[in-house]
Protein backbone atom coordinates (compact mmCIF):
# COMPACT_ATOMS: atom_id res chain seq x y z
CA MET A 1 0.15 -0.01 -0.12
CA MET A 2 2.79 2.38 1.06
CA ALA A 3 4.82 1.49 -2.36
CA ASN A 4 1.23 2.39 -4.55
CA PHE A 5 1.27 5.57 -2.53
CA SER A 6 4.59 6.57 -3.16
CA VAL A 7 4.31 5.98 -6.99
CA PHE A 8 1.10 8.02 -6.59
CA VAL A 9 3.03 10.96 -4.91
CA PHE A 10 5.28 10.95 -7.50
CA VAL A 11 3.25 11.03 -10.15
CA GLY A 12 1.17 13.64 -8.72
CA LEU A 13 4.49 15.60 -8.42
CA LEU A 14 5.61 14.99 -12.15
CA ILE A 15 1.85 16.04 -13.19
CA LEU A 16 2.18 19.70 -10.97
CA THR A 17 5.78 20.15 -12.63
CA PHE A 18 4.53 19.44 -15.81
CA LEU A 19 1.84 22.13 -15.44
CA GLN A 20 4.22 24.70 -13.64
CA ILE A 21 6.57 24.10 -16.75
CA THR A 22 3.64 24.73 -19.51
CA GLU A 23 1.94 27.15 -17.91
CA ALA A 24 1.45 30.59 -19.79
CA GLN A 25 3.90 33.75 -19.07
CA LEU A 26 3.15 36.95 -19.39
CA GLY A 27 4.95 40.18 -19.69
CA VAL A 28 4.71 43.85 -20.75
CA CYS A 29 7.31 45.85 -23.15
CA TYR A 30 9.23 48.64 -21.28
CA GLY A 31 9.76 51.32 -24.14
CA ILE A 32 11.39 54.30 -22.92
CA ASN A 33 10.69 56.58 -25.96
CA GLY A 34 9.22 59.51 -23.72
CA ASN A 35 10.33 62.54 -22.14
CA ASN A 36 8.27 62.23 -18.69
CA LEU A 37 8.63 58.32 -17.73
CA PRO A 38 9.54 57.42 -14.34
CA LEU A 39 13.11 56.01 -13.51
CA PRO A 40 13.98 52.62 -14.28
CA ILE A 41 14.33 51.55 -10.75
CA ASP A 42 10.85 52.97 -9.81
CA VAL A 43 9.60 50.95 -13.15
CA VAL A 44 10.94 47.79 -11.55
CA ASP A 45 9.53 48.15 -8.58
CA LEU A 46 5.95 49.16 -10.79
CA TYR A 47 6.23 45.86 -12.17
CA LYS A 48 6.71 43.98 -8.68
CA ALA A 49 3.84 45.59 -7.61
CA ASN A 50 1.71 44.58 -10.03
CA GLY A 51 3.01 40.78 -10.30
CA ILE A 52 4.00 41.30 -14.14
CA ALA A 53 6.87 38.49 -14.07
CA ASN A 54 8.25 39.41 -17.45
CA MET A 55 9.65 42.72 -19.31
CA ARG A 56 10.86 42.94 -22.54
CA VAL A 57 13.84 45.71 -23.02
CA TYR A 58 14.66 47.22 -26.43
CA ASP A 59 18.29 48.61 -25.75
CA PRO A 60 20.99 47.27 -23.19
CA ILE A 61 20.93 50.45 -21.02
CA PRO A 62 22.81 49.90 -17.85
CA GLU A 63 20.85 51.60 -15.70
CA ILE A 64 18.01 49.44 -17.03
CA LEU A 65 20.02 46.32 -16.23
CA SER A 66 20.99 47.64 -13.10
CA ALA A 67 17.33 48.41 -11.98
CA LEU A 68 16.68 44.63 -12.49
CA LYS A 69 19.37 42.91 -10.61
CA GLY A 70 17.33 40.51 -7.93
CA SER A 71 14.18 41.35 -9.33
CA ASP A 72 13.65 37.88 -10.79
CA ILE A 73 11.55 39.35 -13.44
CA GLY A 74 12.47 37.31 -16.78
CA ILE A 75 13.84 39.49 -19.69
CA ILE A 76 13.75 39.67 -23.31
CA LEU A 77 16.80 41.77 -24.33
CA ASP A 78 17.23 43.31 -27.55
CA ILE A 79 19.90 43.79 -29.84
CA PRO A 80 18.84 47.07 -31.91
CA ASN A 81 18.98 47.05 -35.80
CA ASP A 82 21.75 49.37 -35.95
CA GLN A 83 23.87 47.17 -34.05
CA LEU A 84 23.79 43.99 -36.01
CA HIS A 85 26.51 45.14 -38.59
CA ALA A 86 28.94 45.43 -35.92
CA LEU A 87 27.86 41.97 -34.49
CA THR A 88 28.88 40.21 -37.81
CA ASP A 89 32.17 40.28 -36.43
CA PRO A 90 32.62 37.17 -33.75
CA THR A 91 34.60 38.98 -31.22
CA ALA A 92 32.13 42.08 -31.30
CA ALA A 93 29.72 39.82 -30.67
CA ALA A 94 31.42 38.26 -27.80
CA ASN A 95 32.26 41.46 -26.03
CA TRP A 96 28.66 42.31 -26.42
CA VAL A 97 27.45 38.97 -24.29
CA ILE A 98 30.27 39.79 -21.99
CA VAL A 99 29.24 43.56 -21.33
CA HIS A 100 25.28 43.36 -21.69
CA VAL A 101 24.83 39.63 -20.01
CA MET A 102 27.63 37.96 -18.40
CA ASN A 103 28.36 41.59 -16.32
CA TYR A 104 24.47 40.78 -15.06
CA PHE A 105 23.65 37.41 -15.24
CA PRO A 106 22.33 35.52 -13.25
CA GLN A 107 21.41 38.39 -11.12
CA VAL A 108 19.27 39.75 -14.02
CA ASN A 109 17.09 36.96 -15.29
CA ILE A 110 17.78 37.13 -19.20
CA LYS A 111 15.66 34.41 -20.52
CA TYR A 112 16.21 35.64 -24.54
CA ILE A 113 17.99 37.65 -26.49
CA SER A 114 16.33 39.08 -29.75
CA VAL A 115 18.91 39.95 -32.10
CA GLY A 116 17.23 42.75 -34.14
CA ASN A 117 13.23 43.61 -34.43
CA GLU A 118 11.08 43.38 -37.01
CA ILE A 119 14.06 42.99 -39.56
CA SER A 120 12.40 42.43 -43.41
CA PRO A 121 13.53 42.37 -46.84
CA VAL A 122 10.56 43.94 -47.91
CA ILE A 123 10.44 46.96 -46.12
CA THR A 124 12.50 49.93 -47.07
CA GLU A 125 13.25 50.84 -43.08
CA THR A 126 14.39 47.47 -42.38
CA SER A 127 15.91 46.11 -45.36
CA GLN A 128 19.47 47.45 -44.65
CA PHE A 129 19.93 45.08 -41.96
CA VAL A 130 18.87 41.82 -43.56
CA SER A 131 22.46 40.42 -44.54
CA PHE A 132 23.41 41.47 -41.26
CA LEU A 133 21.12 39.30 -39.25
CA LEU A 134 22.04 35.94 -39.62
CA PRO A 135 25.36 36.63 -38.92
CA ALA A 136 24.68 38.43 -35.46
CA LEU A 137 22.49 35.56 -34.77
CA LYS A 138 25.02 32.71 -35.08
CA ASN A 139 28.01 34.97 -33.41
CA VAL A 140 25.70 35.96 -30.15
CA GLN A 141 24.44 32.03 -30.17
CA GLN A 142 28.39 30.91 -30.42
CA ALA A 143 29.02 33.49 -27.70
CA ILE A 144 26.32 32.54 -25.20
CA THR A 145 27.72 28.68 -26.22
CA LYS A 146 31.15 29.79 -25.19
CA PHE A 147 30.07 30.95 -21.82
CA ASN A 148 27.83 28.03 -21.35
CA LEU A 149 24.45 30.08 -20.83
CA GLN A 150 22.73 28.30 -23.82
CA ASN A 151 20.40 26.30 -21.71
CA GLN A 152 19.59 29.44 -19.95
CA VAL A 153 19.48 32.51 -22.54
CA LYS A 154 17.65 31.44 -26.07
CA VAL A 155 18.97 33.91 -28.64
CA SER A 156 15.91 34.57 -31.15
CA THR A 157 15.25 37.43 -33.68
CA ALA A 158 11.67 38.99 -33.41
CA ILE A 159 9.39 39.27 -36.76
CA GLU A 160 6.22 40.87 -37.72
CA THR A 161 3.11 39.11 -39.65
CA GLY A 162 3.78 41.43 -42.58
CA LEU A 163 6.82 38.98 -43.67
CA LEU A 164 3.40 36.35 -44.04
CA ALA A 165 1.49 35.60 -47.33
CA ASN A 166 -1.82 33.62 -47.84
CA THR A 167 -3.01 34.12 -44.28
CA TYR A 168 -6.45 33.18 -44.06
CA PRO A 169 -7.49 30.87 -43.74
CA PRO A 170 -4.32 30.72 -41.49
CA SER A 171 -3.41 26.73 -42.76
CA GLN A 172 -2.66 28.67 -46.12
CA SER A 173 0.12 30.72 -44.74
CA VAL A 174 3.21 31.23 -46.06
CA PHE A 175 6.60 33.13 -46.54
CA PRO A 176 6.37 34.23 -50.07
CA ASP A 177 9.57 33.86 -52.47
CA ASP A 178 10.83 37.22 -51.99
CA VAL A 179 11.05 36.85 -48.34
CA GLY A 180 12.08 32.96 -48.11
CA SER A 181 15.71 33.38 -48.83
CA PHE A 182 15.69 35.53 -46.44
CA ILE A 183 13.69 33.83 -43.34
CA ASN A 184 13.94 30.38 -44.43
CA PRO A 185 18.02 29.80 -43.13
CA ILE A 186 17.03 31.93 -39.43
CA ILE A 187 14.21 29.32 -39.19
CA GLU A 188 16.57 26.36 -39.95
CA PHE A 189 19.16 28.04 -37.57
CA LEU A 190 16.51 28.37 -34.79
CA LYS A 191 15.49 24.82 -35.22
CA GLU A 192 18.84 23.25 -35.09
CA ASN A 193 19.72 25.00 -32.10
CA ASN A 194 16.40 24.66 -30.24
CA LEU A 195 15.60 27.90 -30.30
CA PRO A 196 12.22 30.30 -30.41
CA LEU A 197 10.83 32.51 -32.69
CA LEU A 198 9.79 35.74 -31.62
CA ALA A 199 6.56 37.04 -33.27
CA ASN A 200 5.17 40.86 -33.23
CA ILE A 201 1.31 39.67 -33.29
CA TYR A 202 -0.74 42.82 -33.54
CA PRO A 203 -4.84 42.27 -34.07
CA TYR A 204 -5.28 45.88 -34.23
CA PHE A 205 -2.92 46.65 -37.17
CA GLY A 206 -5.28 43.67 -39.10
CA TYR A 207 -8.12 45.01 -37.91
CA ILE A 208 -7.27 48.87 -39.46
CA SER A 209 -6.06 47.35 -42.83
CA GLU A 210 -9.32 45.98 -43.79
CA PRO A 211 -11.96 47.16 -41.45
CA ASP A 212 -14.98 46.26 -44.04
CA HIS A 213 -13.75 42.57 -43.81
CA VAL A 214 -12.05 42.17 -40.37
CA PRO A 215 -15.14 43.04 -37.75
CA LEU A 216 -14.15 45.11 -34.49
CA PRO A 217 -15.51 41.72 -32.17
CA TYR A 218 -13.09 39.36 -33.69
CA ALA A 219 -10.06 41.47 -33.18
CA LEU A 220 -11.16 42.10 -29.66
CA PHE A 221 -12.14 38.55 -28.54
CA THR A 222 -15.90 39.19 -27.96
CA GLN A 223 -16.84 37.54 -31.29
CA ARG A 224 -19.04 34.77 -30.03
CA VAL A 225 -19.70 32.59 -33.58
CA ALA A 226 -16.29 31.31 -35.06
CA ASP A 227 -15.40 32.51 -38.54
CA PRO A 228 -15.51 30.22 -41.40
CA SER A 229 -12.09 28.91 -40.57
CA GLY A 230 -12.96 28.07 -37.16
CA TYR A 231 -11.08 30.91 -35.23
CA TYR A 232 -13.28 33.19 -32.72
CA ASN A 233 -10.61 35.78 -32.43
CA LEU A 234 -7.95 37.55 -34.82
CA PHE A 235 -5.16 37.15 -32.39
CA ASP A 236 -5.36 33.07 -32.67
CA ALA A 237 -5.66 33.46 -36.41
CA MET A 238 -2.48 35.60 -36.58
CA LEU A 239 -0.59 33.15 -34.43
CA ASP A 240 -1.32 30.36 -36.48
CA ALA A 241 -0.40 31.78 -39.33
CA VAL A 242 2.92 32.32 -38.36
CA TYR A 243 3.11 28.77 -36.81
CA TYR A 244 1.82 27.40 -39.99
CA ALA A 245 4.22 29.45 -41.91
CA VAL A 246 7.58 28.50 -39.93
CA GLU A 247 6.22 24.67 -40.14
CA LYS A 248 6.18 25.02 -44.03
CA ALA A 249 9.73 26.18 -44.29
CA GLY A 250 11.17 23.36 -41.70
CA GLY A 251 10.73 24.76 -38.38
CA ASP A 252 8.00 22.28 -37.35
CA ASN A 253 9.15 22.48 -33.68
CA VAL A 254 10.32 25.94 -33.40
CA GLU A 255 8.28 27.59 -30.37
CA ILE A 256 6.63 30.90 -30.76
CA VAL A 257 6.62 33.47 -28.26
CA VAL A 258 4.33 36.70 -28.92
CA SER A 259 6.90 39.16 -28.20
CA GLU A 260 4.55 42.26 -28.53
CA SER A 261 0.43 42.82 -28.81
CA GLY A 262 -1.09 45.78 -27.84
CA TRP A 263 -4.14 48.11 -28.50
CA PRO A 264 -3.83 52.24 -28.52
CA SER A 265 -6.29 54.03 -26.65
CA ASP A 266 -5.59 57.38 -28.27
CA GLY A 267 -4.16 59.06 -31.65
CA GLY A 268 -7.15 59.17 -33.99
CA GLY A 269 -6.52 55.89 -35.56
CA ILE A 270 -9.61 53.75 -36.42
CA GLY A 271 -10.75 52.05 -33.62
CA ALA A 272 -8.21 53.69 -31.24
CA SER A 273 -10.07 54.25 -27.86
CA MET A 274 -9.61 53.44 -24.42
CA ASP A 275 -12.70 51.29 -24.45
CA ASN A 276 -11.27 48.98 -27.23
CA ALA A 277 -7.74 48.92 -25.65
CA ALA A 278 -9.29 48.37 -22.64
CA THR A 279 -11.30 45.49 -24.27
CA TYR A 280 -8.38 44.19 -25.91
CA TYR A 281 -5.97 43.96 -23.08
CA THR A 282 -8.39 42.24 -20.50
CA ASN A 283 -9.36 39.89 -22.87
CA LEU A 284 -5.54 39.15 -24.17
CA ILE A 285 -4.46 38.60 -20.41
CA ARG A 286 -7.62 36.14 -19.73
CA HIS A 287 -7.12 34.02 -23.09
CA VAL A 288 -3.68 33.75 -22.10
CA LYS A 289 -3.84 32.73 -18.65
CA SER A 290 -6.66 30.22 -19.67
CA ASN A 291 -4.20 27.89 -21.17
CA GLN A 292 -6.53 27.27 -24.18
CA GLY A 293 -3.92 27.50 -26.74
CA THR A 294 -5.15 28.08 -30.24
CA LEU A 295 -7.26 26.10 -33.10
CA HIS A 296 -3.59 24.67 -34.21
CA LYS A 297 -1.97 24.60 -30.97
CA PRO A 298 -4.84 23.42 -28.53
CA GLY A 299 -3.83 23.62 -24.84
CA LYS A 300 -0.59 25.05 -25.76
CA ALA A 301 1.05 27.75 -23.51
CA ILE A 302 1.24 31.18 -25.19
CA GLU A 303 3.91 33.26 -23.87
CA THR A 304 2.84 36.64 -24.39
CA TYR A 305 4.08 40.64 -23.99
CA LEU A 306 1.76 43.28 -23.89
CA PHE A 307 2.90 46.51 -25.54
CA ALA A 308 3.81 48.82 -23.69
CA MET A 309 3.79 49.61 -20.31
CA PHE A 310 3.83 53.50 -20.59
CA ASP A 311 2.53 55.79 -23.54
CA GLU A 312 5.64 56.86 -25.11
CA ASN A 313 5.29 60.94 -26.17
CA GLU A 314 8.34 60.67 -28.26
CA LYS A 315 7.42 57.50 -30.36
CA VAL A 316 8.04 58.44 -34.08
CA GLY A 317 5.58 56.82 -36.93
CA ALA A 318 1.39 57.32 -36.52
CA GLU A 319 0.16 59.32 -33.71
CA THR A 320 -1.56 55.93 -32.24
CA GLU A 321 1.90 54.87 -31.58
CA LYS A 322 2.01 56.71 -28.81
CA TYR A 323 -0.78 55.66 -26.83
CA PHE A 324 -0.45 51.78 -26.13
CA GLY A 325 0.86 52.13 -22.52
CA VAL A 326 -0.97 50.12 -20.19
CA PHE A 327 0.16 52.68 -17.49
CA HIS A 328 0.42 56.48 -17.91
CA PRO A 329 3.82 58.17 -17.23
CA ASP A 330 2.84 58.86 -13.30
CA LYS A 331 2.35 54.94 -12.64
CA THR A 332 -1.21 54.84 -12.57
CA GLN A 333 -2.89 51.68 -14.41
CA LYS A 334 -5.36 52.83 -17.40
CA TYR A 335 -7.33 49.86 -17.45
CA ASN A 336 -7.50 48.22 -14.07
CA LEU A 337 -5.69 45.19 -15.49
CA THR A 338 -4.92 41.96 -13.22
CA PHE A 339 -1.88 40.45 -14.50
């Protein structure tokens, strides 16, 4: 009887461990394009006070990394696009890892390094970085492995869904020919090294690009009837479109981390309002915490980072870009979210 009980306890612990491993992770991106934002040490305290377990940092700024020491907040640490050319030199990449990772790890819980963000051969603003990305990825990974951190720190890059074609239904999604020569070797590299792909998933942009064809409730998680392809919300459809395209490019075991997702509260754009943003963030958090996964990946936890922590009044681009924050710069919440 005692032996059976021990087996039962052991199996129970295994199940509990599995549930803990597969539990969804939620984070918030920490952008600093504002002239009225709190000090990094106060921002870290705000994350901890609100139970926000993960953060994306877009530049390895020493004040931010120092403020994170001992916090146990999991970090996506970006290497900005304009630094990738230098990192095509293996020595420079190793030095980058020493300065920005080794000098802080493990006091700072660096989970991922995003080598570049939203680089695309078909977007003029980022096409200049295309030839640097894969060599930089390989060199940073080589340095991480050299310092024996490959099991703790995962190297990747963040893409945006504009790289995809034939995204509806999601099962037909592919990387088109003019993108394939860029993305396929990256996916092969990620697969060979058991690394995830980071993807910025924005139903807001999907909605405003085709407001006559994409119902607002479908973008806000409030639609109660499935669309013809079986999806109840655009977030899942967009995420599965990435999975399908990656699988067709040979990355059948490559995990996807949603490295950004958000909705603007203002700025004059279609659908940009406090009510819509509150609805989106609330429902996204609920969806991620449910661990229900997507139609293509049922029951699979979705690690997701909300964009962004604060409204950023110096953000360039469309006026709506300044209004993606879930907190005001005075550290008060905009939407009363529970993280």
